[in-house]
Amino acid sequence: MEKTMYENYLNILKSELIPALGCTEPISIAYAGAKARKLLGKIPESMEVYCSGNIIKNVKSVIVPNSGGERGIEIAAVLGVLGGDEENGLEVLEGVTEEEREKAKKLVQADFCKCRLQEEAENLYVRVKVMAEGQWAEATVAGQHTFIARLVKNGKIIYEQSQGQKEEVYGDKSLMTVKGILEFADCVEIKDVEEMLKKQAEYNEALADEGMKHHYGADIGKILFQKNRSIADVAKARAAAASDARMGGCSLPAVINSGSGNQGITVSVPVVEFGKAWNVGQEKMYRALVVSNLLSIHQKQYVGRLSAYCGAVSAACGAGAAIMYMSGGDYKAVSMLITNTIANVGGIICDGAKPSCASKIAASLEAAFLAYEMSREGKTFLPGEGVVKENVEETIKSIGYIGRVGMKQTDIEVLNIMMDNIDLRENMKKI
């Protein structure tokens, strides 16, 4: 592989596969809060948080880690201000103390933090403004969960980054192809990816262990594990259990994919489980994890980081493709699997981060495992059948277009329902 392309794929992995403590949307708010507080130079007397609809959707129902079981934008933001360490990135709340937790709860109850919807912002947008003694500071995160787009103090721009600078940091995803990903997986020097993939496997398997041992959310993983015990069943159950724990406020970190812990879990846990069961060896498993991670990222570049399209679908598709690759499947077999998966479950809605994410992971993986069996039999959905196009790249783009453009109004209506902003009974009468 040409060196520049090799480095591009490597940079994408390095920028995407990072540890995060808890659901990444509330953590992004906490991170922006910690940044703003540091810029102000003191604990604020009051604060305001402006979020895009997708951030609000993903924070509303999920437990914020190290919060003592609390949910919501306010507690995430206040914890970030009081006890967050911005140097820790998406593990910003790792060092929060019991004293800071109790103080944060009291400040939230005292209306210390005011939250507002930021109209016409990009899907991933957080702006935190903190005020004290006549001074103010503001930190804006946009596009990526820890990408600081702007820092402002008392009206003066202290720091600003452009979209172009973002691409320099995170790699150019527009250059990715399925064929290129498989070529990179075949030729990558394991030493270049071993540290991050080992961490992903260990962190996310630890979450699966936690979810299987203790009660979190709806215990989807445990319920699945009580049924059949094939490799696919175990892989599906453990991935769901890891999500149970993560959505339930477990303090263990995950290594994420496409800005999401649930997607990081979905691309890794099933691949690790199949790798162990098949005894493929560490190197082959790491190469398969390269495939799963990059294929998920490849699909998400068209959908967008946050949308009404559930990211578990693209992540499960990546995991299925990696399992096919690990079993010796070639480009044609992997392409068939991708097509078969997204033609089946593409379009599952995202209605925020919460316990039911575990069941959506399980459903998406079930579709990926069916796609695997279809592909092994040489069966695939054909061009012209629904959103399936002439080749796998065009099929990926077509479902991405539906996720980003076609489901845009769906995203708005999902948020309206979640925020009780519409009268469903009256609106249904009009249809």
Protein backbone atom coordinates (compact mmCIF):
# COMPACT_ATOMS: atom_id res chain seq x y z
CA MET A 1 0.00 0.00 0.00
CA GLU A 2 1.21 3.49 -0.84
CA LYS A 3 2.74 5.19 2.22
CA THR A 4 0.43 8.21 2.29
CA MET A 5 -2.69 6.03 2.21
CA TYR A 6 -1.19 3.72 4.84
CA GLU A 7 -0.59 6.70 7.14
CA ASN A 8 -4.11 8.00 6.47
CA TYR A 9 -5.74 4.74 7.61
CA LEU A 10 -3.43 4.63 10.61
CA ASN A 11 -4.25 8.23 11.59
CA ILE A 12 -7.97 7.50 11.35
CA LEU A 13 -7.61 4.56 13.74
CA LYS A 14 -5.43 6.53 16.16
CA SER A 15 -7.89 9.42 16.30
CA GLU A 16 -11.01 7.27 16.62
CA LEU A 17 -9.98 4.44 18.95
CA ILE A 18 -9.66 6.35 22.20
CA PRO A 19 -10.88 5.56 25.74
CA ALA A 20 -14.03 7.25 27.01
CA LEU A 21 -15.62 7.08 30.44
CA GLY A 22 -19.37 6.80 29.97
CA CYS A 23 -21.63 7.78 27.09
CA THR A 24 -19.70 10.23 24.94
CA GLU A 25 -22.38 12.93 24.62
CA PRO A 26 -22.64 13.84 28.35
CA ILE A 27 -18.87 13.43 28.55
CA SER A 28 -18.45 15.92 25.68
CA ILE A 29 -20.54 18.40 27.68
CA ALA A 30 -18.41 17.78 30.77
CA TYR A 31 -15.26 18.24 28.68
CA ALA A 32 -16.47 21.59 27.32
CA GLY A 33 -17.38 22.63 30.87
CA ALA A 34 -13.92 21.76 32.16
CA LYS A 35 -12.32 23.70 29.29
CA ALA A 36 -14.47 26.75 29.95
CA ARG A 37 -13.76 26.69 33.69
CA LYS A 38 -10.00 26.47 33.08
CA LEU A 39 -10.18 29.44 30.72
CA LEU A 40 -12.18 31.46 33.26
CA GLY A 41 -9.60 30.59 35.94
CA LYS A 42 -12.07 30.12 38.78
CA ILE A 43 -15.21 28.23 39.77
CA PRO A 44 -18.11 30.08 38.11
CA GLU A 45 -21.11 31.62 39.81
CA SER A 46 -23.43 30.47 37.03
CA MET A 47 -23.26 28.72 33.67
CA GLU A 48 -25.17 28.20 30.43
CA VAL A 49 -25.04 25.20 28.10
CA TYR A 50 -26.13 25.32 24.45
CA CYS A 51 -26.54 21.96 22.70
CA SER A 52 -27.66 20.62 19.34
CA GLY A 53 -30.77 18.46 19.29
CA ASN A 54 -28.76 15.28 18.84
CA ILE A 55 -26.68 16.01 21.93
CA ILE A 56 -29.85 16.61 23.95
CA LYS A 57 -31.33 13.35 22.61
CA ASN A 58 -28.30 11.31 23.64
CA VAL A 59 -27.92 12.86 27.09
CA LYS A 60 -31.54 12.87 28.24
CA SER A 61 -31.87 9.25 29.34
CA VAL A 62 -28.37 7.96 30.01
CA ILE A 63 -26.63 7.86 33.39
CA VAL A 64 -23.60 10.14 33.63
CA PRO A 65 -20.58 8.21 34.99
CA ASN A 66 -19.27 9.20 38.43
CA SER A 67 -22.48 11.16 39.03
CA GLY A 68 -24.02 8.83 41.60
CA GLY A 69 -26.71 7.65 39.18
CA GLU A 70 -27.78 11.06 37.86
CA ARG A 71 -28.92 11.80 34.30
CA GLY A 72 -29.03 14.89 32.13
CA ILE A 73 -27.17 17.84 30.65
CA GLU A 74 -27.02 19.86 33.84
CA ILE A 75 -25.27 17.26 35.98
CA ALA A 76 -22.78 16.46 33.19
CA ALA A 77 -21.93 20.13 32.72
CA VAL A 78 -21.66 20.97 36.43
CA LEU A 79 -19.52 17.90 37.17
CA GLY A 80 -17.21 18.95 34.33
CA VAL A 81 -16.86 22.40 35.86
CA LEU A 82 -16.38 21.24 39.45
CA GLY A 83 -14.27 18.11 39.08
CA GLY A 84 -13.45 17.60 35.43
CA ASP A 85 -9.87 17.35 34.18
CA GLU A 86 -9.84 18.45 30.53
CA GLU A 87 -6.38 16.90 30.08
CA ASN A 88 -8.06 13.48 30.30
CA GLY A 89 -10.19 14.06 27.20
CA LEU A 90 -13.18 11.70 27.16
CA GLU A 91 -12.16 10.42 30.59
CA VAL A 92 -12.67 13.95 31.94
CA LEU A 93 -14.83 12.79 34.88
CA GLU A 94 -12.52 10.00 36.03
CA GLY A 95 -11.28 11.88 39.11
CA VAL A 96 -14.59 13.32 40.38
CA THR A 97 -14.86 13.01 44.16
CA GLU A 98 -17.86 12.27 46.37
CA GLU A 99 -17.73 15.86 47.67
CA GLU A 100 -17.86 17.21 44.11
CA ARG A 101 -20.76 14.89 43.26
CA GLU A 102 -22.81 16.14 46.19
CA LYS A 103 -22.01 19.77 45.44
CA ALA A 104 -22.94 19.28 41.77
CA LYS A 105 -26.34 17.83 42.70
CA LYS A 106 -27.07 20.82 44.96
CA LEU A 107 -26.02 23.31 42.26
CA VAL A 108 -28.27 21.63 39.70
CA GLN A 109 -31.19 21.85 42.11
CA ALA A 110 -30.36 25.54 42.71
CA ASP A 111 -30.68 26.30 38.97
CA PHE A 112 -26.95 27.08 38.71
CA CYS A 113 -26.88 25.72 35.15
CA LYS A 114 -29.29 26.73 32.39
CA CYS A 115 -29.55 24.57 29.25
CA ARG A 116 -30.79 25.65 25.85
CA LEU A 117 -31.26 24.12 22.41
CA GLN A 118 -28.84 25.60 19.86
CA GLU A 119 -30.89 26.12 16.71
CA GLU A 120 -29.35 25.37 13.28
CA ALA A 121 -26.14 23.95 14.72
CA GLU A 122 -24.32 20.92 13.34
CA ASN A 123 -25.48 17.63 14.83
CA LEU A 124 -22.62 17.42 17.33
CA TYR A 125 -22.44 20.83 18.99
CA VAL A 126 -21.87 21.90 22.60
CA ARG A 127 -21.15 25.42 23.84
CA VAL A 128 -20.57 26.04 27.55
CA LYS A 129 -20.44 29.57 28.97
CA VAL A 130 -19.32 30.15 32.55
CA MET A 131 -19.58 33.45 34.47
CA ALA A 132 -18.03 34.85 37.67
CA GLU A 133 -17.31 38.33 39.07
CA GLY A 134 -18.22 40.13 35.86
CA GLN A 135 -16.06 37.90 33.66
CA TRP A 136 -17.03 35.07 31.35
CA ALA A 137 -15.46 32.31 29.29
CA GLU A 138 -16.87 30.01 26.66
CA ALA A 139 -15.77 26.71 25.09
CA THR A 140 -17.34 25.26 21.93
CA VAL A 141 -17.05 21.61 20.88
CA ALA A 142 -18.21 20.78 17.36
CA GLY A 143 -18.03 17.88 14.92
CA GLN A 144 -16.04 15.57 17.21
CA HIS A 145 -16.62 14.97 20.91
CA THR A 146 -13.36 16.60 22.02
CA PHE A 147 -12.70 18.89 19.06
CA ILE A 148 -12.46 22.41 20.49
CA ALA A 149 -13.71 24.66 17.72
CA ARG A 150 -13.48 27.89 19.72
CA LEU A 151 -12.42 29.34 23.08
CA VAL A 152 -13.58 32.83 24.00
CA LYS A 153 -12.91 34.96 27.10
CA ASN A 154 -14.71 38.23 27.77
CA GLY A 155 -15.58 38.53 24.09
CA LYS A 156 -12.06 37.90 22.79
CA ILE A 157 -11.38 34.78 20.70
CA ILE A 158 -8.51 32.99 22.39
CA TYR A 159 -8.40 29.94 20.12
CA GLU A 160 -10.17 28.74 16.98
CA GLN A 161 -9.83 25.71 14.70
CA SER A 162 -11.20 25.23 11.20
CA GLN A 163 -12.72 22.18 9.50
CA GLY A 164 -9.52 21.80 7.49
CA GLN A 165 -7.46 21.57 10.67
CA LYS A 166 -9.88 18.91 11.90
CA GLU A 167 -9.10 16.74 8.88
CA GLU A 168 -5.38 17.14 9.49
CA VAL A 169 -5.83 15.80 13.00
CA TYR A 170 -8.29 12.99 12.28
CA GLY A 171 -7.34 11.84 8.78
CA ASP A 172 -9.26 12.09 5.52
CA LYS A 173 -12.12 9.58 5.65
CA SER A 174 -13.25 10.41 2.12
CA LEU A 175 -10.29 8.36 0.82
CA MET A 176 -11.55 5.16 2.45
CA THR A 177 -12.90 2.20 0.45
CA VAL A 178 -13.81 -1.36 1.37
CA LYS A 179 -11.05 -2.65 -0.88
CA GLY A 180 -8.54 -0.24 0.62
CA ILE A 181 -9.51 -1.22 4.17
CA LEU A 182 -8.95 -4.92 3.44
CA GLU A 183 -5.62 -4.14 1.79
CA PHE A 184 -4.55 -2.10 4.82
CA ALA A 185 -5.64 -4.90 7.20
CA ASP A 186 -3.53 -7.37 5.22
CA CYS A 187 -0.37 -5.25 5.16
CA VAL A 188 -0.46 -3.19 8.37
CA GLU A 189 2.50 -3.65 10.68
CA ILE A 190 0.98 -5.08 13.86
CA LYS A 191 3.28 -2.94 16.00
CA ASP A 192 1.57 0.14 14.53
CA VAL A 193 -1.87 -0.87 15.79
CA GLU A 194 -1.24 -3.35 18.61
CA GLU A 195 -1.41 -0.94 21.54
CA MET A 196 -4.76 0.62 20.63
CA LEU A 197 -6.38 -2.65 19.55
CA LYS A 198 -5.18 -4.48 22.65
CA LYS A 199 -6.64 -1.70 24.77
CA GLN A 200 -9.93 -1.81 22.85
CA ALA A 201 -10.23 -5.57 23.30
CA GLU A 202 -9.33 -5.47 27.00
CA TYR A 203 -11.46 -2.45 27.95
CA ASN A 204 -14.55 -3.55 26.06
CA GLU A 205 -14.32 -7.18 27.19
CA ALA A 206 -14.06 -5.90 30.78
CA LEU A 207 -17.32 -4.03 30.25
CA ALA A 208 -18.88 -7.23 28.92
CA ASP A 209 -17.71 -9.08 32.06
CA GLU A 210 -19.19 -6.35 34.23
CA GLY A 211 -22.51 -6.42 32.40
CA MET A 212 -22.73 -10.20 32.72
CA LYS A 213 -21.97 -10.17 36.47
CA HIS A 214 -24.11 -7.29 37.71
CA HIS A 215 -27.49 -5.70 37.10
CA TYR A 216 -27.57 -2.81 34.62
CA GLY A 217 -30.52 -1.44 32.67
CA ALA A 218 -32.74 -4.17 31.25
CA ASP A 219 -30.04 -6.89 31.50
CA ILE A 220 -30.28 -7.67 27.78
CA GLY A 221 -26.94 -9.49 27.77
CA LYS A 222 -27.92 -11.80 30.63
CA ILE A 223 -31.28 -12.58 29.03
CA LEU A 224 -29.60 -13.51 25.75
CA PHE A 225 -26.98 -15.61 27.51
CA GLN A 226 -29.70 -17.74 29.12
CA LYS A 227 -30.75 -18.94 25.66
CA ASN A 228 -28.56 -20.76 23.13
CA ARG A 229 -24.79 -20.90 23.50
CA SER A 230 -23.39 -20.89 19.95
CA ILE A 231 -20.42 -18.60 19.27
CA ALA A 232 -22.79 -16.09 17.68
CA ASP A 233 -25.13 -16.18 20.67
CA VAL A 234 -22.31 -15.64 23.16
CA ALA A 235 -20.81 -12.82 21.06
CA LYS A 236 -24.20 -11.13 20.81
CA ALA A 237 -24.93 -11.54 24.53
CA ARG A 238 -21.56 -10.19 25.65
CA ALA A 239 -21.75 -7.17 23.35
CA ALA A 240 -25.22 -6.41 24.70
CA ALA A 241 -24.01 -6.89 28.29
CA ALA A 242 -21.18 -4.40 27.74
CA SER A 243 -23.74 -1.88 26.51
CA ASP A 244 -26.00 -2.66 29.49
CA ALA A 245 -23.14 -1.70 31.79
CA ARG A 246 -22.11 1.38 29.84
CA MET A 247 -25.63 2.80 29.55
CA GLY A 248 -26.20 1.96 33.21
CA GLY A 249 -23.47 4.29 34.43
CA CYS A 250 -20.65 1.78 34.92
CA SER A 251 -17.42 3.59 35.75
CA LEU A 252 -15.27 1.39 33.48
CA PRO A 253 -14.07 3.09 30.27
CA ALA A 254 -14.66 1.82 26.74
CA VAL A 255 -12.52 2.31 23.66
CA ILE A 256 -14.86 4.00 21.23
CA ASN A 257 -15.50 3.97 17.49
CA SER A 258 -17.00 6.87 15.53
CA GLY A 259 -17.32 8.80 18.78
CA SER A 260 -19.46 6.11 20.41
CA GLY A 261 -18.76 3.60 23.15
CA ASN A 262 -21.64 1.39 22.02
CA GLN A 263 -20.20 1.30 18.53
CA GLY A 264 -16.73 0.61 19.92
CA ILE A 265 -18.19 -2.31 21.88
CA THR A 266 -20.07 -3.64 18.84
CA VAL A 267 -17.07 -3.60 16.50
CA SER A 268 -14.79 -5.31 19.01
CA VAL A 269 -16.48 -7.70 21.45
CA PRO A 270 -17.98 -10.06 18.81
CA VAL A 271 -14.70 -10.16 16.87
CA VAL A 272 -12.74 -11.01 20.02
CA GLU A 273 -15.24 -13.73 20.97
CA PHE A 274 -15.08 -15.35 17.52
CA GLY A 275 -11.29 -15.01 17.47
CA LYS A 276 -10.98 -16.83 20.79
CA ALA A 277 -13.46 -19.54 19.81
CA TRP A 278 -11.73 -20.14 16.49
CA ASN A 279 -8.27 -19.86 18.05
CA VAL A 280 -7.06 -17.68 15.17
CA GLY A 281 -4.18 -16.14 17.11
CA GLN A 282 -3.59 -12.58 18.22
CA GLU A 283 -2.23 -11.21 14.94
CA LYS A 284 -5.19 -12.43 12.87
CA MET A 285 -7.62 -11.09 15.45
CA TYR A 286 -5.94 -7.66 15.40
CA ARG A 287 -6.13 -7.57 11.60
CA ALA A 288 -9.83 -8.43 11.86
CA LEU A 289 -10.32 -5.63 14.40
CA VAL A 290 -8.72 -3.25 11.90
CA VAL A 291 -11.37 -4.34 9.39
CA SER A 292 -14.30 -3.96 11.81
CA ASN A 293 -13.22 -0.56 13.09
CA LEU A 294 -12.44 0.97 9.71
CA LEU A 295 -15.54 -0.41 7.98
CA SER A 296 -17.76 1.05 10.69
CA ILE A 297 -16.01 4.42 10.38
CA HIS A 298 -16.30 4.22 6.58
CA GLN A 299 -20.08 3.82 6.77
CA LYS A 300 -20.49 6.50 9.44
CA GLN A 301 -18.71 9.14 7.37
CA TYR A 302 -21.79 9.22 5.12
CA VAL A 303 -24.38 8.95 7.89
CA GLY A 304 -22.74 11.49 10.23
CA ARG A 305 -21.56 11.11 13.79
CA LEU A 306 -25.00 11.80 15.28
CA SER A 307 -28.28 11.30 13.42
CA ALA A 308 -31.57 9.41 13.52
CA TYR A 309 -29.77 6.34 12.10
CA CYS A 310 -28.67 3.91 14.82
CA GLY A 311 -24.88 3.51 14.73
CA ALA A 312 -25.17 -0.06 16.02
CA VAL A 313 -26.09 -1.08 12.46
CA SER A 314 -22.86 0.17 10.87
CA ALA A 315 -20.83 -1.17 13.80
CA ALA A 316 -22.44 -4.62 13.64
CA CYS A 317 -21.92 -4.62 9.89
CA GLY A 318 -18.22 -3.92 10.51
CA ALA A 319 -18.04 -6.74 13.06
CA GLY A 320 -19.71 -9.20 10.69
CA ALA A 321 -17.35 -8.22 7.89
CA ALA A 322 -14.36 -8.71 10.21
CA ILE A 323 -15.60 -12.17 11.19
CA MET A 324 -15.95 -13.00 7.49
CA TYR A 325 -12.39 -11.71 6.92
CA MET A 326 -11.12 -13.71 9.90
CA SER A 327 -12.66 -16.88 8.42
CA GLY A 328 -10.81 -16.34 5.14
CA GLY A 329 -13.45 -14.40 3.23
CA ASP A 330 -12.21 -12.22 0.35
CA TYR A 331 -13.31 -8.81 -0.92
CA LYS A 332 -16.36 -10.29 -2.70
CA ALA A 333 -17.54 -12.16 0.40
CA VAL A 334 -17.04 -9.13 2.65
CA SER A 335 -18.88 -6.88 0.17
CA MET A 336 -21.81 -9.30 0.07
CA LEU A 337 -21.98 -9.34 3.87
CA ILE A 338 -22.03 -5.54 4.06
CA THR A 339 -24.81 -5.36 1.47
CA ASN A 340 -26.84 -8.11 3.14
CA THR A 341 -26.61 -6.44 6.56
CA ILE A 342 -27.52 -2.88 5.69
CA ALA A 343 -30.22 -3.97 3.22
CA ASN A 344 -31.83 -5.76 6.16
CA VAL A 345 -31.59 -3.47 9.21
CA GLY A 346 -30.38 -0.17 7.76
CA GLY A 347 -32.57 2.59 9.19
CA ILE A 348 -33.13 1.46 12.78
CA ILE A 349 -33.84 4.75 14.53
CA CYS A 350 -31.64 6.30 17.18
CA ASP A 351 -33.76 7.68 20.00
CA GLY A 352 -30.89 8.55 22.28
CA ALA A 353 -28.46 6.73 24.54
CA LYS A 354 -30.27 4.50 27.06
CA PRO A 355 -30.70 0.85 28.13
CA SER A 356 -32.46 -0.21 24.91
CA CYS A 357 -29.24 0.45 22.98
CA ALA A 358 -28.14 -3.01 24.12
CA SER A 359 -31.09 -4.64 22.38
CA LYS A 360 -30.42 -2.68 19.19
CA ILE A 361 -26.84 -3.94 19.26
CA ALA A 362 -28.13 -7.51 19.62
CA ALA A 363 -30.63 -7.07 16.76
CA SER A 364 -27.99 -5.54 14.48
CA LEU A 365 -25.52 -8.33 15.24
CA GLU A 366 -28.20 -10.92 14.54
CA ALA A 367 -28.62 -9.34 11.09
CA ALA A 368 -24.85 -9.35 10.56
CA PHE A 369 -24.63 -13.04 11.48
CA LEU A 370 -27.46 -13.86 9.07
CA ALA A 371 -25.61 -11.85 6.41
CA TYR A 372 -22.51 -13.92 7.16
CA GLU A 373 -24.37 -17.18 6.53
CA MET A 374 -25.96 -15.79 3.36
CA SER A 375 -22.60 -14.66 2.03
CA ARG A 376 -20.99 -18.03 2.73
CA GLU A 377 -23.72 -19.58 0.60
CA GLY A 378 -23.07 -17.06 -2.18
CA LYS A 379 -26.41 -15.32 -1.61
CA THR A 380 -26.80 -11.56 -1.72
CA PHE A 381 -29.50 -8.96 -2.26
CA LEU A 382 -29.31 -7.63 -5.81
CA PRO A 383 -28.95 -4.13 -7.31
CA GLY A 384 -32.32 -2.43 -7.61
CA GLU A 385 -33.76 -4.25 -4.61
CA GLY A 386 -34.50 -1.38 -2.28
CA VAL A 387 -31.41 0.71 -1.57
CA VAL A 388 -28.97 -1.88 -2.95
CA LYS A 389 -26.81 -0.46 -5.75
CA GLU A 390 -24.43 -1.86 -8.35
CA ASN A 391 -21.51 -2.19 -5.95
CA VAL A 392 -20.81 -2.11 -2.24
CA GLU A 393 -19.45 1.47 -2.20
CA GLU A 394 -22.59 2.83 -3.84
CA THR A 395 -24.77 0.80 -1.48
CA ILE A 396 -22.93 2.24 1.52
CA LYS A 397 -23.41 5.76 0.11
CA SER A 398 -27.12 5.15 -0.51
CA ILE A 399 -27.86 4.10 3.06
CA GLY A 400 -25.63 6.91 4.30
CA TYR A 401 -27.70 9.40 2.32
CA ILE A 402 -30.87 8.05 3.88
CA GLY A 403 -29.33 8.38 7.35
CA ARG A 404 -28.00 11.90 6.87
CA VAL A 405 -30.62 13.46 4.58
CA GLY A 406 -33.67 11.22 4.41
CA MET A 407 -33.93 10.77 8.18
CA LYS A 408 -33.27 14.42 9.03
CA GLN A 409 -36.94 15.14 9.69
CA THR A 410 -37.19 11.83 11.57
CA ASP A 411 -34.44 13.10 13.86
CA ILE A 412 -36.44 16.24 14.60
CA GLU A 413 -39.64 14.32 15.30
CA VAL A 414 -37.84 11.79 17.54
CA LEU A 415 -36.48 14.70 19.59
CA ASN A 416 -39.91 16.34 19.72
CA ILE A 417 -41.45 13.13 21.06
CA MET A 418 -38.67 12.67 23.61
CA MET A 419 -39.07 16.27 24.82
CA ASP A 420 -42.90 16.05 24.81
CA ASN A 421 -43.00 18.94 22.36
CA ILE A 422 -45.92 17.59 20.33
CA ASP A 423 -49.42 16.28 20.98
CA LEU A 424 -49.27 12.88 19.31
CA ARG A 425 -53.00 12.27 19.51
CA GLU A 426 -53.90 15.56 17.83
CA ASN A 427 -51.20 15.20 15.19
CA MET A 428 -52.31 11.69 14.28
CA LYS A 429 -55.84 12.98 13.68
CA LYS A 430 -54.46 15.26 10.95
CA ILE A 431 -52.87 12.39 9.01
